Amino acid sequence: MKNFKLRKDLSITYWDRTLYRIEATKDLPKHGIKKGDIGGYIEKEENLSDDAWVSGDAKVSGNALVSGNALISGDAEILSNAKVLDNAEISDNAKVFGEAWVSGKAWVSGDAEISGNAWIFGKAWVSCDVIKTREDVYNITSNKQYNITITPNYIHIGCEVYSKKEWFNFTDQRILEMGNKEGLNWWKQWKPILKSICDLKRGETE
């Protein structure tokens, strides 16, 4: 059973395609959706399955698929043959297109663009940058409390995201201001490791 219906009376034309708002036909507690709530836009029923949801002014079109418990919100766009699966979330002005996949508990936000054959998975968090291949994203769950996502120009550690140059030039005092002494000790251990990874992958730490 579908958890939505197309509202043919609430349509827009987008890139020469007709997209329709969706209306929930059952409650979706995970997303805070009640039966009758109006969601975002999709082109056809095949764009959305399981308990996934599209909200706000987000758009899904082409042969793109949003499934599992995935959530698309804000002004996000899922286009072409892209797939957003599992518990992944795409928000803000983020775009996922081409043959890209986003799965697991990954979160793509901000002005990020995921395209090509890129695959964002696990607990990766991409809020900046343009991702075109699987090699553009490197995700690490450290043995402490911080999840690390490395993209071509940025490093996302926990809830903090800065350019590689910024991270490696931060003083100990600046790191302390982000967290606490434990966080500083963690950074002293991981900084050379991350620097080596960045140098090996892209050489873009300068």
N, C-alpha and C. Protein backbone atom coordinates (compact mmCIF):
# COMPACT_ATOMS: atom_id res chain seq x y z
N MET A 1 0.84 -1.19 0.00
CA MET A 1 0.00 0.00 0.00
C MET A 1 0.88 1.25 0.00
N LYS A 2 0.58 2.17 -0.88
CA LYS A 2 1.28 3.44 -0.90
C LYS A 2 0.89 4.26 0.33
N ASN A 3 1.82 5.08 0.81
CA ASN A 3 1.51 5.93 1.96
C ASN A 3 1.11 7.33 1.51
N PHE A 4 0.85 7.47 0.20
CA PHE A 4 0.53 8.79 -0.34
C PHE A 4 -0.34 8.66 -1.59
N LYS A 5 -0.87 9.78 -2.00
CA LYS A 5 -1.52 9.87 -3.30
C LYS A 5 -1.07 11.15 -3.98
N LEU A 6 -1.11 11.15 -5.29
CA LEU A 6 -0.74 12.34 -6.04
C LEU A 6 -1.89 13.33 -6.05
N ARG A 7 -1.59 14.57 -5.79
CA ARG A 7 -2.59 15.63 -5.88
C ARG A 7 -2.48 16.27 -7.26
N LYS A 8 -3.26 15.78 -8.19
CA LYS A 8 -3.20 16.29 -9.57
C LYS A 8 -3.61 17.75 -9.65
N ASP A 9 -4.34 18.22 -8.63
CA ASP A 9 -4.77 19.62 -8.62
C ASP A 9 -3.69 20.56 -8.07
N LEU A 10 -2.58 19.99 -7.58
CA LEU A 10 -1.49 20.79 -7.03
C LEU A 10 -0.21 20.44 -7.77
N SER A 11 -0.11 20.87 -9.01
CA SER A 11 1.02 20.50 -9.85
C SER A 11 1.84 21.72 -10.24
N ILE A 12 3.09 21.47 -10.62
CA ILE A 12 3.97 22.51 -11.13
C ILE A 12 4.72 21.94 -12.33
N THR A 13 5.24 22.82 -13.15
CA THR A 13 6.12 22.41 -14.25
C THR A 13 7.54 22.72 -13.84
N TYR A 14 8.38 21.71 -13.88
CA TYR A 14 9.76 21.87 -13.45
C TYR A 14 10.67 21.18 -14.45
N TRP A 15 11.57 21.95 -15.09
CA TRP A 15 12.43 21.40 -16.14
C TRP A 15 11.62 20.61 -17.17
N ASP A 16 10.53 21.20 -17.62
CA ASP A 16 9.65 20.60 -18.63
C ASP A 16 8.98 19.32 -18.18
N ARG A 17 8.97 19.08 -16.89
CA ARG A 17 8.26 17.91 -16.35
C ARG A 17 7.15 18.39 -15.43
N THR A 18 6.08 17.64 -15.38
CA THR A 18 4.98 17.96 -14.47
C THR A 18 5.16 17.19 -13.18
N LEU A 19 5.24 17.91 -12.07
CA LEU A 19 5.38 17.31 -10.75
C LEU A 19 4.14 17.59 -9.93
N TYR A 20 3.79 16.64 -9.05
CA TYR A 20 2.57 16.76 -8.25
C TYR A 20 2.90 16.72 -6.77
N ARG A 21 2.21 17.54 -6.00
CA ARG A 21 2.34 17.42 -4.55
C ARG A 21 1.75 16.08 -4.12
N ILE A 22 2.24 15.58 -2.99
CA ILE A 22 1.71 14.33 -2.45
C ILE A 22 0.90 14.62 -1.19
N GLU A 23 -0.03 13.73 -0.93
CA GLU A 23 -0.84 13.81 0.28
C GLU A 23 -0.74 12.48 1.01
N ALA A 24 -0.45 12.52 2.29
CA ALA A 24 -0.30 11.29 3.07
C ALA A 24 -1.63 10.56 3.20
N THR A 25 -1.62 9.26 2.96
CA THR A 25 -2.82 8.45 3.11
C THR A 25 -2.80 7.62 4.40
N LYS A 26 -1.72 7.80 5.18
CA LYS A 26 -1.63 7.16 6.50
C LYS A 26 -0.63 7.94 7.34
N ASP A 27 -0.64 7.70 8.62
CA ASP A 27 0.32 8.35 9.51
C ASP A 27 1.72 7.78 9.27
N LEU A 28 2.71 8.66 9.33
CA LEU A 28 4.11 8.26 9.26
C LEU A 28 4.81 8.84 10.49
N PRO A 29 4.69 8.17 11.63
CA PRO A 29 5.20 8.70 12.90
C PRO A 29 6.67 9.09 12.87
N LYS A 30 7.49 8.34 12.17
CA LYS A 30 8.93 8.65 12.14
C LYS A 30 9.19 10.05 11.60
N HIS A 31 8.35 10.49 10.67
CA HIS A 31 8.54 11.79 10.06
C HIS A 31 7.58 12.85 10.61
N GLY A 32 6.78 12.48 11.60
CA GLY A 32 5.82 13.42 12.16
C GLY A 32 4.69 13.77 11.20
N ILE A 33 4.38 12.86 10.30
CA ILE A 33 3.35 13.09 9.28
C ILE A 33 2.04 12.43 9.69
N LYS A 34 0.94 13.16 9.53
CA LYS A 34 -0.39 12.63 9.79
C LYS A 34 -1.13 12.41 8.48
N LYS A 35 -2.04 11.47 8.48
CA LYS A 35 -2.87 11.24 7.30
C LYS A 35 -3.52 12.56 6.88
N GLY A 36 -3.42 12.89 5.60
CA GLY A 36 -3.99 14.13 5.08
C GLY A 36 -2.99 15.25 4.93
N ASP A 37 -1.80 15.12 5.55
CA ASP A 37 -0.78 16.16 5.40
C ASP A 37 -0.30 16.24 3.96
N ILE A 38 0.00 17.46 3.53
CA ILE A 38 0.49 17.68 2.18
C ILE A 38 2.01 17.73 2.20
N GLY A 39 2.62 17.04 1.24
CA GLY A 39 4.07 16.99 1.18
C GLY A 39 4.64 17.74 0.00
N GLY A 40 5.85 17.35 -0.41
CA GLY A 40 6.53 17.99 -1.53
C GLY A 40 6.06 17.44 -2.86
N TYR A 41 6.95 17.52 -3.85
CA TYR A 41 6.57 17.18 -5.22
C TYR A 41 7.28 15.93 -5.73
N ILE A 42 6.56 15.08 -6.44
CA ILE A 42 7.17 13.98 -7.17
C ILE A 42 6.55 13.94 -8.57
N GLU A 43 7.25 13.29 -9.47
CA GLU A 43 6.74 13.22 -10.84
C GLU A 43 5.76 12.07 -11.04
N LYS A 44 6.04 10.94 -10.39
CA LYS A 44 5.20 9.75 -10.56
C LYS A 44 5.27 8.89 -9.32
N GLU A 45 4.33 8.00 -9.19
CA GLU A 45 4.24 7.16 -7.98
C GLU A 45 5.51 6.35 -7.76
N GLU A 46 6.17 5.97 -8.86
CA GLU A 46 7.37 5.14 -8.74
C GLU A 46 8.54 5.87 -8.09
N ASN A 47 8.44 7.17 -7.93
CA ASN A 47 9.51 7.93 -7.28
C ASN A 47 9.59 7.73 -5.77
N LEU A 48 8.53 7.19 -5.16
CA LEU A 48 8.45 7.14 -3.70
C LEU A 48 7.86 5.82 -3.25
N SER A 49 8.50 5.16 -2.27
CA SER A 49 7.99 3.88 -1.79
C SER A 49 8.27 3.69 -0.31
N ASP A 50 7.73 2.59 0.23
CA ASP A 50 7.89 2.24 1.65
C ASP A 50 7.35 3.37 2.53
N ASP A 51 8.08 3.72 3.61
CA ASP A 51 7.64 4.80 4.49
C ASP A 51 8.47 6.06 4.29
N ALA A 52 9.07 6.20 3.13
CA ALA A 52 9.82 7.41 2.80
C ALA A 52 8.85 8.56 2.59
N TRP A 53 9.37 9.81 2.71
CA TRP A 53 8.50 10.97 2.58
C TRP A 53 9.27 12.12 1.94
N VAL A 54 8.52 12.95 1.21
CA VAL A 54 9.04 14.17 0.60
C VAL A 54 8.23 15.32 1.16
N SER A 55 8.89 16.33 1.73
CA SER A 55 8.16 17.42 2.36
C SER A 55 8.61 18.78 1.84
N GLY A 56 7.97 19.83 2.35
CA GLY A 56 8.32 21.19 1.95
C GLY A 56 8.14 21.39 0.46
N ASP A 57 9.13 22.02 -0.17
CA ASP A 57 9.12 22.22 -1.62
C ASP A 57 10.13 21.32 -2.31
N ALA A 58 10.53 20.25 -1.63
CA ALA A 58 11.47 19.29 -2.20
C ALA A 58 10.86 18.63 -3.42
N LYS A 59 11.74 18.18 -4.35
CA LYS A 59 11.27 17.63 -5.61
C LYS A 59 12.00 16.34 -5.94
N VAL A 60 11.25 15.37 -6.46
CA VAL A 60 11.81 14.10 -6.91
C VAL A 60 11.26 13.85 -8.31
N SER A 61 12.15 13.61 -9.28
CA SER A 61 11.67 13.44 -10.65
C SER A 61 12.56 12.49 -11.43
N GLY A 62 12.20 12.29 -12.69
CA GLY A 62 12.92 11.34 -13.53
C GLY A 62 12.70 9.93 -13.04
N ASN A 63 13.75 9.14 -13.04
CA ASN A 63 13.68 7.76 -12.52
C ASN A 63 14.24 7.67 -11.11
N ALA A 64 14.34 8.80 -10.44
CA ALA A 64 14.85 8.82 -9.07
C ALA A 64 13.92 8.04 -8.15
N LEU A 65 14.50 7.46 -7.09
CA LEU A 65 13.73 6.68 -6.13
C LEU A 65 14.09 7.08 -4.71
N VAL A 66 13.07 7.32 -3.91
CA VAL A 66 13.23 7.57 -2.48
C VAL A 66 12.47 6.47 -1.76
N SER A 67 13.17 5.69 -0.93
CA SER A 67 12.52 4.54 -0.31
C SER A 67 13.02 4.31 1.11
N GLY A 68 12.55 3.22 1.72
CA GLY A 68 12.89 2.94 3.11
C GLY A 68 12.21 3.94 4.02
N ASN A 69 12.96 4.52 4.93
CA ASN A 69 12.46 5.59 5.81
C ASN A 69 13.11 6.93 5.48
N ALA A 70 13.59 7.06 4.25
CA ALA A 70 14.30 8.27 3.85
C ALA A 70 13.38 9.48 3.89
N LEU A 71 14.00 10.66 4.08
CA LEU A 71 13.25 11.90 4.15
C LEU A 71 13.92 12.95 3.27
N ILE A 72 13.14 13.55 2.38
CA ILE A 72 13.61 14.64 1.53
C ILE A 72 12.85 15.89 1.97
N SER A 73 13.55 16.96 2.28
CA SER A 73 12.87 18.15 2.82
C SER A 73 13.49 19.43 2.29
N GLY A 74 12.92 20.56 2.73
CA GLY A 74 13.41 21.86 2.30
C GLY A 74 13.18 22.07 0.82
N ASP A 75 14.22 22.52 0.12
CA ASP A 75 14.17 22.71 -1.33
C ASP A 75 15.06 21.69 -2.04
N ALA A 76 15.31 20.57 -1.39
CA ALA A 76 16.18 19.55 -1.95
C ALA A 76 15.61 18.99 -3.25
N GLU A 77 16.51 18.49 -4.11
CA GLU A 77 16.10 17.91 -5.38
C GLU A 77 16.77 16.56 -5.58
N ILE A 78 15.96 15.57 -5.93
CA ILE A 78 16.45 14.23 -6.25
C ILE A 78 16.05 13.96 -7.70
N LEU A 79 17.03 13.83 -8.58
CA LEU A 79 16.74 13.83 -10.01
C LEU A 79 17.41 12.65 -10.73
N SER A 80 17.09 12.51 -12.01
CA SER A 80 17.69 11.51 -12.90
C SER A 80 17.47 10.11 -12.35
N ASN A 81 18.56 9.36 -12.14
CA ASN A 81 18.46 7.98 -11.66
C ASN A 81 18.94 7.84 -10.23
N ALA A 82 18.99 8.94 -9.51
CA ALA A 82 19.49 8.91 -8.13
C ALA A 82 18.59 8.09 -7.21
N LYS A 83 19.19 7.54 -6.15
CA LYS A 83 18.45 6.77 -5.16
C LYS A 83 18.80 7.24 -3.76
N VAL A 84 17.77 7.45 -2.96
CA VAL A 84 17.94 7.80 -1.55
C VAL A 84 17.22 6.73 -0.75
N LEU A 85 17.95 5.99 0.06
CA LEU A 85 17.43 4.77 0.67
C LEU A 85 17.60 4.76 2.19
N ASP A 86 17.04 3.73 2.81
CA ASP A 86 17.20 3.47 4.24
C ASP A 86 16.71 4.65 5.08
N ASN A 87 17.58 5.17 5.96
CA ASN A 87 17.21 6.28 6.84
C ASN A 87 17.91 7.58 6.45
N ALA A 88 18.34 7.65 5.21
CA ALA A 88 19.05 8.83 4.74
C ALA A 88 18.14 10.06 4.73
N GLU A 89 18.75 11.24 4.90
CA GLU A 89 18.01 12.50 4.86
C GLU A 89 18.70 13.48 3.93
N ILE A 90 17.92 14.11 3.08
CA ILE A 90 18.41 15.14 2.18
C ILE A 90 17.61 16.40 2.47
N SER A 91 18.29 17.51 2.76
CA SER A 91 17.56 18.71 3.18
C SER A 91 18.17 19.97 2.59
N ASP A 92 17.58 21.11 2.96
CA ASP A 92 18.04 22.44 2.52
C ASP A 92 17.99 22.53 0.99
N ASN A 93 19.10 22.97 0.37
CA ASN A 93 19.15 23.11 -1.09
C ASN A 93 19.98 22.01 -1.74
N ALA A 94 20.19 20.93 -1.03
CA ALA A 94 21.03 19.85 -1.54
C ALA A 94 20.41 19.21 -2.79
N LYS A 95 21.29 18.72 -3.66
CA LYS A 95 20.85 18.06 -4.89
C LYS A 95 21.54 16.71 -5.01
N VAL A 96 20.77 15.70 -5.38
CA VAL A 96 21.31 14.37 -5.65
C VAL A 96 20.81 13.96 -7.03
N PHE A 97 21.74 13.67 -7.94
CA PHE A 97 21.31 13.36 -9.31
C PHE A 97 22.32 12.43 -9.98
N GLY A 98 22.11 12.17 -11.26
CA GLY A 98 22.95 11.22 -11.96
C GLY A 98 22.64 9.81 -11.49
N GLU A 99 23.68 9.03 -11.25
CA GLU A 99 23.53 7.64 -10.77
C GLU A 99 23.85 7.55 -9.28
N ALA A 100 23.85 8.68 -8.60
CA ALA A 100 24.28 8.72 -7.19
C ALA A 100 23.32 7.98 -6.27
N TRP A 101 23.88 7.43 -5.19
CA TRP A 101 23.11 6.76 -4.14
C TRP A 101 23.44 7.41 -2.80
N VAL A 102 22.42 7.58 -1.98
CA VAL A 102 22.62 8.01 -0.59
C VAL A 102 21.85 7.02 0.28
N SER A 103 22.52 6.39 1.23
CA SER A 103 21.87 5.33 2.00
C SER A 103 22.33 5.33 3.45
N GLY A 104 21.91 4.31 4.19
CA GLY A 104 22.26 4.21 5.60
C GLY A 104 21.62 5.33 6.40
N LYS A 105 22.41 5.95 7.27
CA LYS A 105 21.95 7.10 8.06
C LYS A 105 22.63 8.38 7.58
N ALA A 106 23.03 8.37 6.32
CA ALA A 106 23.73 9.53 5.76
C ALA A 106 22.81 10.75 5.73
N TRP A 107 23.45 11.92 5.82
CA TRP A 107 22.71 13.18 5.82
C TRP A 107 23.41 14.12 4.86
N VAL A 108 22.66 14.59 3.86
CA VAL A 108 23.18 15.55 2.88
C VAL A 108 22.37 16.83 3.03
N SER A 109 23.05 17.95 3.26
CA SER A 109 22.34 19.20 3.55
C SER A 109 23.07 20.38 2.94
N GLY A 110 22.63 21.59 3.31
CA GLY A 110 23.27 22.79 2.80
C GLY A 110 23.12 22.90 1.30
N ASP A 111 24.21 23.30 0.63
CA ASP A 111 24.22 23.43 -0.83
C ASP A 111 24.99 22.29 -1.48
N ALA A 112 25.10 21.17 -0.81
CA ALA A 112 25.86 20.04 -1.33
C ALA A 112 25.23 19.51 -2.62
N GLU A 113 26.09 19.00 -3.50
CA GLU A 113 25.64 18.36 -4.73
C GLU A 113 26.28 16.98 -4.82
N ILE A 114 25.44 15.97 -4.97
CA ILE A 114 25.92 14.59 -5.10
C ILE A 114 25.53 14.12 -6.49
N SER A 115 26.50 13.71 -7.29
CA SER A 115 26.19 13.34 -8.67
C SER A 115 27.09 12.20 -9.13
N GLY A 116 27.09 11.95 -10.44
CA GLY A 116 27.93 10.89 -11.00
C GLY A 116 27.59 9.55 -10.40
N ASN A 117 28.62 8.78 -10.04
CA ASN A 117 28.39 7.47 -9.41
C ASN A 117 28.71 7.52 -7.91
N ALA A 118 28.60 8.72 -7.34
CA ALA A 118 28.90 8.88 -5.92
C ALA A 118 27.98 8.03 -5.06
N TRP A 119 28.51 7.56 -3.93
CA TRP A 119 27.73 6.75 -3.00
C TRP A 119 28.02 7.27 -1.59
N ILE A 120 27.02 7.86 -0.97
CA ILE A 120 27.14 8.39 0.39
C ILE A 120 26.41 7.42 1.31
N PHE A 121 27.09 6.88 2.31
CA PHE A 121 26.45 5.84 3.13
C PHE A 121 26.95 5.91 4.56
N GLY A 122 26.50 4.94 5.36
CA GLY A 122 26.88 4.93 6.77
C GLY A 122 26.31 6.13 7.49
N LYS A 123 27.15 6.80 8.28
CA LYS A 123 26.74 8.00 8.99
C LYS A 123 27.37 9.26 8.39
N ALA A 124 27.75 9.17 7.13
CA ALA A 124 28.39 10.31 6.48
C ALA A 124 27.46 11.52 6.50
N TRP A 125 28.08 12.70 6.68
CA TRP A 125 27.32 13.96 6.71
C TRP A 125 28.02 14.92 5.76
N VAL A 126 27.35 15.23 4.65
CA VAL A 126 27.90 16.13 3.65
C VAL A 126 27.03 17.38 3.60
N SER A 127 27.60 18.52 3.98
CA SER A 127 26.82 19.76 3.98
C SER A 127 27.42 20.82 3.06
N CYS A 128 28.54 20.51 2.45
CA CYS A 128 29.19 21.41 1.50
C CYS A 128 29.77 20.53 0.40
N ASP A 129 30.35 21.18 -0.61
CA ASP A 129 31.13 20.49 -1.63
C ASP A 129 30.28 19.84 -2.72
N VAL A 130 30.96 19.49 -3.79
CA VAL A 130 30.37 18.79 -4.92
C VAL A 130 30.99 17.40 -4.96
N ILE A 131 30.17 16.39 -4.89
CA ILE A 131 30.63 15.00 -4.84
C ILE A 131 30.26 14.33 -6.15
N LYS A 132 31.27 13.83 -6.89
CA LYS A 132 30.99 13.24 -8.20
C LYS A 132 31.31 11.75 -8.29
N THR A 133 32.19 11.27 -7.41
CA THR A 133 32.55 9.85 -7.45
C THR A 133 32.58 9.30 -6.02
N ARG A 134 32.62 7.99 -5.92
CA ARG A 134 32.68 7.35 -4.60
C ARG A 134 33.96 7.73 -3.86
N GLU A 135 35.02 8.02 -4.63
CA GLU A 135 36.30 8.35 -4.02
C GLU A 135 36.31 9.75 -3.41
N ASP A 136 35.27 10.56 -3.69
CA ASP A 136 35.23 11.93 -3.17
C ASP A 136 34.79 12.00 -1.72
N VAL A 137 34.31 10.90 -1.17
CA VAL A 137 33.83 10.90 0.22
C VAL A 137 34.52 9.79 0.99
N TYR A 138 35.01 10.14 2.18
CA TYR A 138 35.66 9.17 3.06
C TYR A 138 35.05 9.35 4.44
N ASN A 139 34.41 8.30 4.95
CA ASN A 139 33.72 8.40 6.23
C ASN A 139 34.38 7.52 7.27
N ILE A 140 34.58 8.08 8.47
CA ILE A 140 35.21 7.35 9.57
C ILE A 140 34.36 7.51 10.82
N THR A 141 34.09 6.43 11.50
CA THR A 141 33.51 6.51 12.84
C THR A 141 34.65 6.21 13.81
N SER A 142 35.10 7.22 14.51
CA SER A 142 36.27 7.05 15.38
C SER A 142 35.91 6.20 16.59
N ASN A 143 36.94 5.85 17.38
CA ASN A 143 36.69 5.06 18.58
C ASN A 143 36.16 5.91 19.73
N LYS A 144 35.95 7.20 19.47
CA LYS A 144 35.36 8.09 20.46
C LYS A 144 33.98 8.50 19.98
N GLN A 145 33.59 9.74 20.28
CA GLN A 145 32.21 10.14 20.00
C GLN A 145 32.02 10.84 18.67
N TYR A 146 33.09 11.02 17.89
CA TYR A 146 32.95 11.85 16.70
C TYR A 146 32.92 11.04 15.41
N ASN A 147 31.92 11.35 14.56
CA ASN A 147 31.88 10.81 13.22
C ASN A 147 32.60 11.79 12.30
N ILE A 148 33.40 11.29 11.38
CA ILE A 148 34.22 12.12 10.50
C ILE A 148 33.84 11.86 9.06
N THR A 149 33.56 12.91 8.30
CA THR A 149 33.34 12.80 6.87
C THR A 149 34.30 13.73 6.15
N ILE A 150 35.10 13.15 5.26
CA ILE A 150 36.06 13.93 4.48
C ILE A 150 35.58 14.01 3.04
N THR A 151 35.45 15.24 2.53
CA THR A 151 35.08 15.45 1.14
C THR A 151 36.24 16.20 0.46
N PRO A 152 36.16 16.49 -0.83
CA PRO A 152 37.32 17.09 -1.50
C PRO A 152 37.88 18.34 -0.83
N ASN A 153 37.03 19.19 -0.27
CA ASN A 153 37.51 20.45 0.29
C ASN A 153 37.20 20.66 1.76
N TYR A 154 36.41 19.78 2.35
CA TYR A 154 35.96 19.99 3.72
C TYR A 154 36.13 18.73 4.57
N ILE A 155 36.15 18.97 5.89
CA ILE A 155 36.08 17.86 6.85
C ILE A 155 34.95 18.18 7.82
N HIS A 156 34.06 17.22 8.00
CA HIS A 156 32.93 17.35 8.91
C HIS A 156 33.22 16.45 10.11
N ILE A 157 33.44 17.04 11.28
CA ILE A 157 33.72 16.27 12.50
C ILE A 157 32.62 16.57 13.50
N GLY A 158 31.87 15.53 13.88
CA GLY A 158 30.72 15.77 14.74
C GLY A 158 29.76 16.72 14.06
N CYS A 159 29.46 17.83 14.69
CA CYS A 159 28.56 18.82 14.09
C CYS A 159 29.32 20.03 13.54
N GLU A 160 30.64 19.94 13.48
CA GLU A 160 31.46 21.05 13.00
C GLU A 160 31.99 20.75 11.59
N VAL A 161 31.84 21.71 10.68
CA VAL A 161 32.37 21.54 9.33
C VAL A 161 33.18 22.77 8.94
N TYR A 162 34.42 22.53 8.51
CA TYR A 162 35.31 23.59 8.05
C TYR A 162 36.15 23.04 6.90
N SER A 163 36.79 23.97 6.18
CA SER A 163 37.68 23.53 5.11
C SER A 163 38.87 22.78 5.72
N LYS A 164 39.54 22.00 4.90
CA LYS A 164 40.71 21.28 5.39
C LYS A 164 41.77 22.26 5.90
N LYS A 165 41.97 23.33 5.16
CA LYS A 165 42.97 24.32 5.56
C LYS A 165 42.65 24.90 6.93
N GLU A 166 41.36 25.20 7.16
CA GLU A 166 40.96 25.75 8.46
C GLU A 166 41.23 24.76 9.58
N TRP A 167 40.80 23.51 9.39
CA TRP A 167 40.99 22.51 10.44
C TRP A 167 42.46 22.40 10.84
N PHE A 168 43.33 22.27 9.86
CA PHE A 168 44.74 22.00 10.16
C PHE A 168 45.50 23.23 10.64
N ASN A 169 44.88 24.40 10.52
CA ASN A 169 45.50 25.62 11.04
C ASN A 169 44.90 26.08 12.36
N PHE A 170 43.87 25.39 12.86
CA PHE A 170 43.27 25.78 14.14
C PHE A 170 44.28 25.63 15.28
N THR A 171 44.25 26.59 16.19
CA THR A 171 45.07 26.49 17.40
C THR A 171 44.37 25.57 18.40
N ASP A 172 45.12 25.14 19.42
CA ASP A 172 44.52 24.33 20.48
C ASP A 172 43.38 25.09 21.16
N GLN A 173 43.55 26.41 21.31
CA GLN A 173 42.52 27.21 21.95
C GLN A 173 41.23 27.19 21.15
N ARG A 174 41.36 27.24 19.82
CA ARG A 174 40.16 27.22 18.96
C ARG A 174 39.44 25.88 19.08
N ILE A 175 40.19 24.81 19.16
CA ILE A 175 39.58 23.48 19.32
C ILE A 175 38.89 23.39 20.67
N LEU A 176 39.51 23.94 21.71
CA LEU A 176 38.89 23.95 23.03
C LEU A 176 37.56 24.70 23.02
N GLU A 177 37.51 25.79 22.26
CA GLU A 177 36.28 26.57 22.17
C GLU A 177 35.14 25.79 21.52
N MET A 178 35.48 24.82 20.68
CA MET A 178 34.45 23.99 20.05
C MET A 178 33.88 22.96 21.01
N GLY A 179 34.69 22.54 21.96
CA GLY A 179 34.23 21.47 22.85
C GLY A 179 34.83 21.57 24.24
N ASN A 180 35.74 20.65 24.55
CA ASN A 180 36.33 20.60 25.88
C ASN A 180 37.72 19.97 25.79
N LYS A 181 38.31 19.72 26.94
CA LYS A 181 39.66 19.18 26.95
C LYS A 181 39.70 17.79 26.32
N GLU A 182 38.65 17.01 26.54
CA GLU A 182 38.59 15.67 25.94
C GLU A 182 38.60 15.78 24.42
N GLY A 183 37.85 16.78 23.91
CA GLY A 183 37.83 16.99 22.48
C GLY A 183 39.20 17.40 21.94
N LEU A 184 39.92 18.22 22.70
CA LEU A 184 41.26 18.63 22.30
C LEU A 184 42.21 17.44 22.27
N ASN A 185 42.13 16.58 23.28
CA ASN A 185 42.97 15.39 23.31
C ASN A 185 42.67 14.49 22.11
N TRP A 186 41.37 14.38 21.80
CA TRP A 186 40.96 13.59 20.63
C TRP A 186 41.57 14.17 19.38
N TRP A 187 41.50 15.51 19.23
CA TRP A 187 42.03 16.17 18.04
C TRP A 187 43.53 15.97 17.90
N LYS A 188 44.26 16.04 19.01
CA LYS A 188 45.71 15.85 18.95
C LYS A 188 46.06 14.45 18.45
N GLN A 189 45.21 13.47 18.79
CA GLN A 189 45.44 12.11 18.33
C GLN A 189 45.09 11.95 16.86
N TRP A 190 43.97 12.54 16.46
CA TRP A 190 43.44 12.32 15.12
C TRP A 190 43.95 13.29 14.07
N LYS A 191 44.44 14.45 14.47
CA LYS A 191 44.90 15.44 13.48
C LYS A 191 45.94 14.86 12.51
N PRO A 192 47.02 14.21 12.99
CA PRO A 192 48.00 13.67 12.03
C PRO A 192 47.43 12.55 11.17
N ILE A 193 46.48 11.79 11.73
CA ILE A 193 45.86 10.72 10.96
C ILE A 193 45.05 11.31 9.81
N LEU A 194 44.23 12.33 10.13
CA LEU A 194 43.40 12.96 9.11
C LEU A 194 44.26 13.69 8.09
N LYS A 195 45.34 14.31 8.55
CA LYS A 195 46.24 15.00 7.62
C LYS A 195 46.84 14.01 6.62
N SER A 196 47.22 12.85 7.11
CA SER A 196 47.80 11.82 6.23
C SER A 196 46.77 11.32 5.22
N ILE A 197 45.53 11.11 5.69
CA ILE A 197 44.47 10.66 4.79
C ILE A 197 44.21 11.70 3.70
N CYS A 198 44.13 12.97 4.10
CA CYS A 198 43.86 14.03 3.15
C CYS A 198 45.00 14.17 2.14
N ASP A 199 46.23 14.09 2.60
CA ASP A 199 47.38 14.19 1.71
C ASP A 199 47.40 13.02 0.72
N LEU A 200 47.05 11.85 1.21
CA LEU A 200 47.05 10.66 0.38
C LEU A 200 45.96 10.71 -0.68
N LYS A 201 44.76 11.17 -0.26
CA LYS A 201 43.62 11.14 -1.16
C LYS A 201 43.62 12.25 -2.20
N ARG A 202 43.86 13.49 -1.72
CA ARG A 202 43.68 14.60 -2.64
C ARG A 202 44.82 15.60 -2.66
N GLY A 203 45.62 15.62 -1.62
CA GLY A 203 46.67 16.62 -1.55
C GLY A 203 46.13 18.04 -1.49
N GLU A 204 44.97 18.22 -0.83
CA GLU A 204 44.29 19.51 -0.83
C GLU A 204 44.25 20.16 0.54
N THR A 205 45.26 19.92 1.36
CA THR A 205 45.23 20.50 2.69
C THR A 205 45.89 21.87 2.74
N GLU A 206 46.46 22.30 1.65
CA GLU A 206 47.12 23.63 1.62
C GLU A 206 46.16 24.67 1.07
